[in-house]
């Protein structure tokens, strides 16, 4: 009975945190404390409980190493110009007649390269929404296309934190999982393209423009060499190189490009890697290109660690069997 009440309390606290918009860390920590207290009342010692939680958390260490690489690579790709290049030329060659379809495809490509739906929505998505508003496109349709594309790429990317987490926790191979997901995605992707092509005919872009696009060439050197980090990720993924190695090599290439092409100082670059990229001067790009860095992955890393501690605690105490 006590276990059931504790689970109800934990579930309600999770729902409440989602409703009020606070971090999941708080209900997770609260729930973990409650289950530890419950286990203590059932005769388990505190050292043994900590040992159980530690054993569970160890399973997530591989994923956290990947989170670290994701934090680094997302900052480096911004600093070296990879993301600005993709955004600039993706938007520049956008089809006005098929704007909604183009928004879906561009968001899919960006999220596949980044492995992040939030990163896609915060970069390519913001600019596409600005274009949709200024070009008299229904913002609900545009937002749907952007979100759909962002989640499609995130689902199938070797850089996706969720894909790597699933592979580690289920002890399966990442690239095999991605291959199976891609196979099941072909038909839905084609059907979705057909649907957004239809919406494009109803909601064409009419003279949309964005000062953000014009600002990109003034802030970054758009030499095609800045695409090397993204090309490395795709090429190494094609031959199934370990994702940690491919992300590490891509980050190194991006660091070299940032230093010698974008003329970023080493001290600034190290700061970007830890705290996230931001433009030296405020402007229309400030809220779009900024982000990434190790600190951006801190919260998700803690959530994974605590969640994994739950699995160790439940396995060792048998609370789920009561």
Protein backbone atom coordinates (compact mmCIF):
# COMPACT_ATOMS: atom_id res chain seq x y z
CA UNK A 1 0.00 0.00 0.00
CA UNK A 2 2.81 2.41 0.91
CA UNK A 3 4.57 1.70 -2.40
CA UNK A 4 1.40 2.38 -4.37
CA UNK A 5 0.83 5.69 -2.57
CA UNK A 6 4.44 6.68 -3.18
CA UNK A 7 4.13 5.95 -6.88
CA UNK A 8 0.90 7.99 -7.09
CA UNK A 9 2.62 10.90 -5.31
CA UNK A 10 5.63 10.66 -7.63
CA UNK A 11 3.46 10.53 -10.75
CA UNK A 12 1.42 13.54 -9.62
CA UNK A 13 4.57 15.54 -8.86
CA UNK A 14 5.84 14.85 -12.39
CA UNK A 15 2.56 16.03 -13.90
CA UNK A 16 2.58 19.13 -11.71
CA UNK A 17 6.11 20.04 -12.77
CA UNK A 18 5.11 19.75 -16.43
CA UNK A 19 1.98 21.84 -15.84
CA UNK A 20 3.74 24.70 -14.03
CA UNK A 21 6.84 24.52 -16.25
CA UNK A 22 9.51 23.71 -13.68
CA UNK A 23 12.44 21.36 -14.22
CA UNK A 24 11.87 17.61 -13.91
CA UNK A 25 14.91 17.51 -11.64
CA UNK A 26 12.84 18.60 -8.65
CA UNK A 27 10.13 15.89 -8.75
CA UNK A 28 12.79 13.30 -9.64
CA UNK A 29 14.86 14.23 -6.59
CA UNK A 30 11.76 14.40 -4.41
CA UNK A 31 10.58 11.01 -5.62
CA UNK A 32 14.00 9.43 -5.16
CA UNK A 33 14.16 10.73 -1.60
CA UNK A 34 10.70 9.31 -0.91
CA UNK A 35 11.59 5.87 -2.27
CA UNK A 36 14.83 5.84 -0.27
CA UNK A 37 12.89 6.62 2.92
CA UNK A 38 10.38 3.89 2.08
CA UNK A 39 13.21 1.39 1.52
CA UNK A 40 14.79 2.38 4.87
CA UNK A 41 11.52 1.61 6.66
CA UNK A 42 11.57 -1.80 4.99
CA UNK A 43 14.91 -2.67 6.51
CA UNK A 44 17.45 -1.66 3.87
CA UNK A 45 20.54 0.17 5.07
CA UNK A 46 21.48 3.58 3.70
CA UNK A 47 24.92 2.41 2.41
CA UNK A 48 23.30 -0.49 0.53
CA UNK A 49 20.74 1.86 -1.02
CA UNK A 50 23.47 4.24 -2.18
CA UNK A 51 25.31 1.26 -3.68
CA UNK A 52 22.16 0.23 -5.58
CA UNK A 53 21.65 3.76 -6.92
CA UNK A 54 25.32 4.01 -7.90
CA UNK A 55 25.12 0.73 -9.82
CA UNK A 56 22.08 2.04 -11.68
CA UNK A 57 23.71 5.37 -12.47
CA UNK A 58 26.80 3.67 -13.93
CA UNK A 59 24.66 2.54 -16.87
CA UNK A 60 24.17 6.15 -17.91
CA UNK A 61 27.85 7.18 -17.91
CA UNK A 62 28.31 6.29 -21.60
CA UNK A 63 25.32 8.43 -22.50
CA UNK A 64 26.61 11.32 -20.41
CA UNK A 65 29.92 11.19 -22.29
CA UNK A 66 27.89 11.56 -25.47
CA UNK A 67 25.98 14.46 -23.90
CA UNK A 68 29.33 16.14 -23.22
CA UNK A 69 30.28 15.76 -26.89
CA UNK A 70 26.88 17.08 -27.99
CA UNK A 71 27.36 20.14 -25.79
CA UNK A 72 30.78 20.77 -27.30
CA UNK A 73 29.80 20.16 -30.90
CA UNK A 74 26.68 22.35 -30.80
CA UNK A 75 28.76 25.31 -29.54
CA UNK A 76 31.64 24.66 -31.95
CA UNK A 77 29.34 24.34 -34.99
CA UNK A 78 27.90 27.75 -34.17
CA UNK A 79 31.31 29.36 -33.61
CA UNK A 80 32.90 27.90 -36.77
CA UNK A 81 29.97 28.91 -38.98
CA UNK A 82 28.54 25.48 -39.84
CA UNK A 83 25.06 26.23 -38.52
CA UNK A 84 24.95 29.81 -39.90
CA UNK A 85 26.04 28.48 -43.34
CA UNK A 86 23.27 25.86 -43.41
CA UNK A 87 20.67 28.38 -42.24
CA UNK A 88 21.76 31.07 -44.69
CA UNK A 89 21.87 28.96 -47.84
CA UNK A 90 18.90 26.83 -46.81
CA UNK A 91 16.73 29.92 -46.49
CA UNK A 92 18.29 31.63 -49.54
CA UNK A 93 17.25 28.80 -51.87
CA UNK A 94 13.86 28.35 -50.22
CA UNK A 95 10.95 27.87 -52.62
CA UNK A 96 8.35 30.59 -52.07
CA UNK A 97 5.65 28.59 -53.86
CA UNK A 98 6.37 25.54 -51.71
CA UNK A 99 7.33 27.35 -48.51
CA UNK A 100 5.59 24.99 -46.08
CA UNK A 101 7.13 21.90 -47.69
CA UNK A 102 10.54 23.61 -47.76
CA UNK A 103 10.19 24.48 -44.06
CA UNK A 104 9.53 20.83 -43.25
CA UNK A 105 12.49 19.57 -45.31
CA UNK A 106 14.91 22.21 -44.03
CA UNK A 107 13.91 21.48 -40.42
CA UNK A 108 14.38 17.75 -41.06
CA UNK A 109 17.88 18.30 -42.47
CA UNK A 110 18.91 20.66 -39.68
CA UNK A 111 17.64 18.37 -36.91
CA UNK A 112 19.32 15.35 -38.50
CA UNK A 113 22.65 17.18 -38.51
CA UNK A 114 22.23 18.65 -35.03
CA UNK A 115 20.46 15.70 -33.43
CA UNK A 116 18.34 18.22 -31.54
CA UNK A 117 14.73 19.21 -32.08
CA UNK A 118 15.09 22.15 -29.67
CA UNK A 119 18.27 23.34 -31.41
CA UNK A 120 16.50 23.20 -34.75
CA UNK A 121 13.45 25.08 -33.51
CA UNK A 122 15.70 27.73 -31.95
CA UNK A 123 17.73 28.37 -35.12
CA UNK A 124 16.14 27.40 -38.42
CA UNK A 125 12.67 27.36 -36.85
CA UNK A 126 12.84 30.95 -35.60
CA UNK A 127 13.87 32.32 -38.99
CA UNK A 128 11.24 30.27 -40.82
CA UNK A 129 8.54 31.60 -38.50
CA UNK A 130 9.70 35.17 -39.09
CA UNK A 131 9.48 34.56 -42.85
CA UNK A 132 6.04 32.96 -42.49
CA UNK A 133 4.68 35.97 -40.57
CA UNK A 134 6.12 38.53 -42.96
CA UNK A 135 5.08 36.47 -46.00
CA UNK A 136 1.44 36.01 -44.96
CA UNK A 137 1.70 32.25 -44.41
CA UNK A 138 -0.59 30.73 -41.78
CA UNK A 139 1.70 30.53 -38.74
CA UNK A 140 -0.06 27.41 -37.42
CA UNK A 141 0.67 25.50 -40.61
CA UNK A 142 4.27 26.79 -40.69
CA UNK A 143 4.82 25.87 -37.03
CA UNK A 144 3.44 22.38 -37.66
CA UNK A 145 5.85 21.83 -40.56
CA UNK A 146 8.83 23.07 -38.54
CA UNK A 147 8.03 20.95 -35.47
CA UNK A 148 7.37 17.86 -37.60
CA UNK A 149 10.71 18.29 -39.37
CA UNK A 150 12.54 18.93 -36.11
CA UNK A 151 11.27 15.70 -34.57
CA UNK A 152 11.87 13.66 -37.71
CA UNK A 153 15.57 14.46 -37.82
CA UNK A 154 15.98 14.11 -34.07
CA UNK A 155 14.52 10.60 -34.29
CA UNK A 156 16.96 9.40 -36.95
CA UNK A 157 20.20 11.27 -36.18
CA UNK A 158 23.33 9.52 -34.85
CA UNK A 159 23.88 12.66 -32.75
CA UNK A 160 20.47 12.38 -31.10
CA UNK A 161 20.76 12.14 -27.31
CA UNK A 162 17.53 10.14 -27.10
CA UNK A 163 18.72 7.63 -29.73
CA UNK A 164 22.01 7.15 -27.90
CA UNK A 165 20.22 6.80 -24.57
CA UNK A 166 17.90 4.11 -25.95
CA UNK A 167 20.83 2.20 -27.46
CA UNK A 168 22.75 2.20 -24.16
CA UNK A 169 19.84 1.32 -21.88
CA UNK A 170 18.55 -1.45 -24.15
CA UNK A 171 22.10 -2.69 -24.93
CA UNK A 172 21.46 -2.50 -28.67
CA UNK A 173 23.54 -1.07 -31.50
CA UNK A 174 22.92 2.59 -32.29
CA UNK A 175 23.32 2.36 -36.06
CA UNK A 176 21.12 -0.74 -36.28
CA UNK A 177 18.40 1.11 -34.35
CA UNK A 178 18.73 4.12 -36.63
CA UNK A 179 18.61 1.93 -39.73
CA UNK A 180 15.39 0.31 -38.53
CA UNK A 181 13.89 3.71 -37.69
CA UNK A 182 14.81 5.07 -41.11
CA UNK A 183 13.15 2.11 -42.80
CA UNK A 184 9.91 2.76 -40.94
CA UNK A 185 10.17 6.51 -41.62
CA UNK A 186 10.29 6.44 -45.43
CA UNK A 187 6.54 6.08 -46.06
CA UNK A 188 5.45 8.56 -43.33
CA UNK A 189 8.06 11.05 -44.59
CA UNK A 190 6.82 10.83 -48.19
CA UNK A 191 3.18 11.11 -47.10
CA UNK A 192 4.06 14.11 -44.94
CA UNK A 193 5.86 15.76 -47.86
CA UNK A 194 2.73 15.26 -49.94
CA UNK A 195 0.57 16.82 -47.24
CA UNK A 196 2.84 19.85 -46.82
CA UNK A 197 3.06 20.25 -50.61
CA UNK A 198 -0.73 20.57 -50.61
CA UNK A 199 -0.65 23.13 -47.78
CA UNK A 200 2.07 25.00 -49.67
CA UNK A 201 -0.29 25.56 -52.60
CA UNK A 202 -2.86 27.01 -50.22
CA UNK A 203 -0.35 29.05 -48.19
CA UNK A 204 2.43 30.31 -50.51
CA UNK A 205 5.04 32.75 -49.26
CA UNK A 206 4.34 36.27 -50.52
CA UNK A 207 7.41 38.49 -50.37
CA UNK A 208 8.64 37.39 -46.96
CA UNK A 209 12.00 38.66 -45.71
CA UNK A 210 14.07 38.59 -42.54
CA UNK A 211 16.86 40.89 -41.35
CA UNK A 212 18.36 37.85 -39.65
CA UNK A 213 19.36 36.32 -42.99
CA UNK A 214 20.99 39.54 -44.17
CA UNK A 215 22.99 39.73 -40.93
CA UNK A 216 24.59 36.28 -41.25
CA UNK A 217 27.25 37.17 -43.90
CA UNK A 218 28.27 40.19 -41.82
CA UNK A 219 28.90 38.05 -38.75
CA UNK A 220 30.40 34.90 -40.28
CA UNK A 221 32.77 33.97 -43.11
CA UNK A 222 30.58 31.65 -45.20
CA UNK A 223 33.50 29.86 -46.85
CA UNK A 224 32.28 26.36 -47.90
CA UNK A 225 35.03 24.85 -45.74
CA UNK A 226 32.81 25.54 -42.71
CA UNK A 227 30.70 22.57 -43.84
CA UNK A 228 33.55 20.14 -43.11
CA UNK A 229 32.36 19.34 -39.53
CA UNK A 230 28.89 18.39 -40.84
CA UNK A 231 30.33 16.41 -43.76
CA UNK A 232 32.53 14.48 -41.33
CA UNK A 233 29.52 13.50 -39.24
CA UNK A 234 27.62 12.26 -42.30
CA UNK A 235 30.59 10.46 -43.88
CA UNK A 236 31.63 8.69 -40.69
CA UNK A 237 28.04 7.76 -39.89
CA UNK A 238 27.73 6.22 -43.37
CA UNK A 239 30.59 3.82 -42.56
CA UNK A 240 29.27 3.31 -39.00
CA UNK A 241 32.20 4.78 -37.11
CA UNK A 242 31.57 4.98 -33.38
CA UNK A 243 29.51 8.13 -32.80
CA UNK A 244 31.87 9.35 -30.05
CA UNK A 245 34.80 9.25 -32.49
CA UNK A 246 32.87 10.97 -35.29
CA UNK A 247 31.62 13.70 -32.95
CA UNK A 248 35.13 14.19 -31.54
CA UNK A 249 36.67 14.54 -35.01
CA UNK A 250 33.89 16.88 -36.11
CA UNK A 251 34.47 19.04 -33.00
CA UNK A 252 38.22 19.19 -33.67
CA UNK A 253 37.62 20.23 -37.28
CA UNK A 254 35.18 22.88 -36.09
CA UNK A 255 37.67 24.23 -33.55
CA UNK A 256 40.35 24.60 -36.25
CA UNK A 257 37.88 26.35 -38.58
CA UNK A 258 36.67 28.67 -35.81
CA UNK A 259 40.25 29.68 -34.99
CA UNK A 260 41.56 30.16 -38.54
CA UNK A 261 38.49 30.95 -40.68
CA UNK A 262 36.17 32.78 -38.29
CA UNK A 263 39.13 34.30 -36.37
CA UNK A 264 37.70 33.39 -32.97
CA UNK A 265 40.24 33.69 -30.18
CA UNK A 266 41.15 30.54 -28.27
CA UNK A 267 39.96 32.02 -24.96
CA UNK A 268 36.58 32.98 -26.45
CA UNK A 269 36.23 29.55 -28.04
CA UNK A 270 36.91 27.79 -24.73
CA UNK A 271 34.28 30.00 -23.14
CA UNK A 272 31.78 29.11 -25.86
CA UNK A 273 32.44 25.40 -25.34
CA UNK A 274 31.64 25.66 -21.63
CA UNK A 275 28.85 28.23 -21.51
CA UNK A 276 27.50 28.23 -25.08
CA UNK A 277 28.06 30.38 -28.14
CA UNK A 278 27.00 34.02 -28.22
CA UNK A 279 27.80 36.80 -30.64
CA UNK A 280 30.31 39.40 -29.39
CA UNK A 281 27.96 42.22 -30.41
CA UNK A 282 24.15 42.25 -29.94
CA UNK A 283 22.11 42.18 -33.12
CA UNK A 284 19.32 40.36 -34.99
CA UNK A 285 21.29 37.08 -34.80
CA UNK A 286 21.86 37.23 -31.04
CA UNK A 287 18.84 35.14 -30.03
CA UNK A 288 19.05 32.73 -32.98
CA UNK A 289 22.62 31.50 -33.30
CA UNK A 290 23.48 31.50 -29.59
CA UNK A 291 23.42 28.31 -27.54
CA UNK A 292 25.05 24.93 -27.11
CA UNK A 293 27.93 24.32 -24.73
CA UNK A 294 28.54 21.97 -21.83
CA UNK A 295 26.23 23.84 -19.47
CA UNK A 296 23.30 23.28 -21.85
CA UNK A 297 23.68 19.52 -21.27
CA UNK A 298 24.02 19.73 -17.48
CA UNK A 299 20.34 19.45 -16.65
CA UNK A 300 19.62 16.60 -19.05
CA UNK A 301 22.71 14.76 -17.76
CA UNK A 302 21.47 15.07 -14.17
CA UNK A 303 18.01 13.86 -15.18
CA UNK A 304 19.50 10.78 -16.85
CA UNK A 305 21.75 10.09 -13.84
CA UNK A 306 18.88 10.32 -11.37
CA UNK A 307 16.55 8.28 -13.60
CA UNK A 308 19.19 5.56 -13.85
CA UNK A 309 19.56 5.64 -10.06
CA UNK A 310 15.85 4.77 -9.88
CA UNK A 311 16.43 1.61 -11.91
CA UNK A 312 19.20 0.49 -9.55
CA UNK A 313 17.09 1.26 -6.49
CA UNK A 314 14.02 -0.59 -7.81
CA UNK A 315 16.07 -3.59 -8.92
CA UNK A 316 17.83 -3.88 -5.57
CA UNK A 317 14.87 -3.28 -3.25
CA UNK A 318 12.07 -4.93 -5.22
CA UNK A 319 9.75 -1.97 -4.64
CA UNK A 320 8.18 -2.48 -8.06
CA UNK A 321 7.18 -6.04 -7.12
CA UNK A 322 5.21 -5.02 -4.03
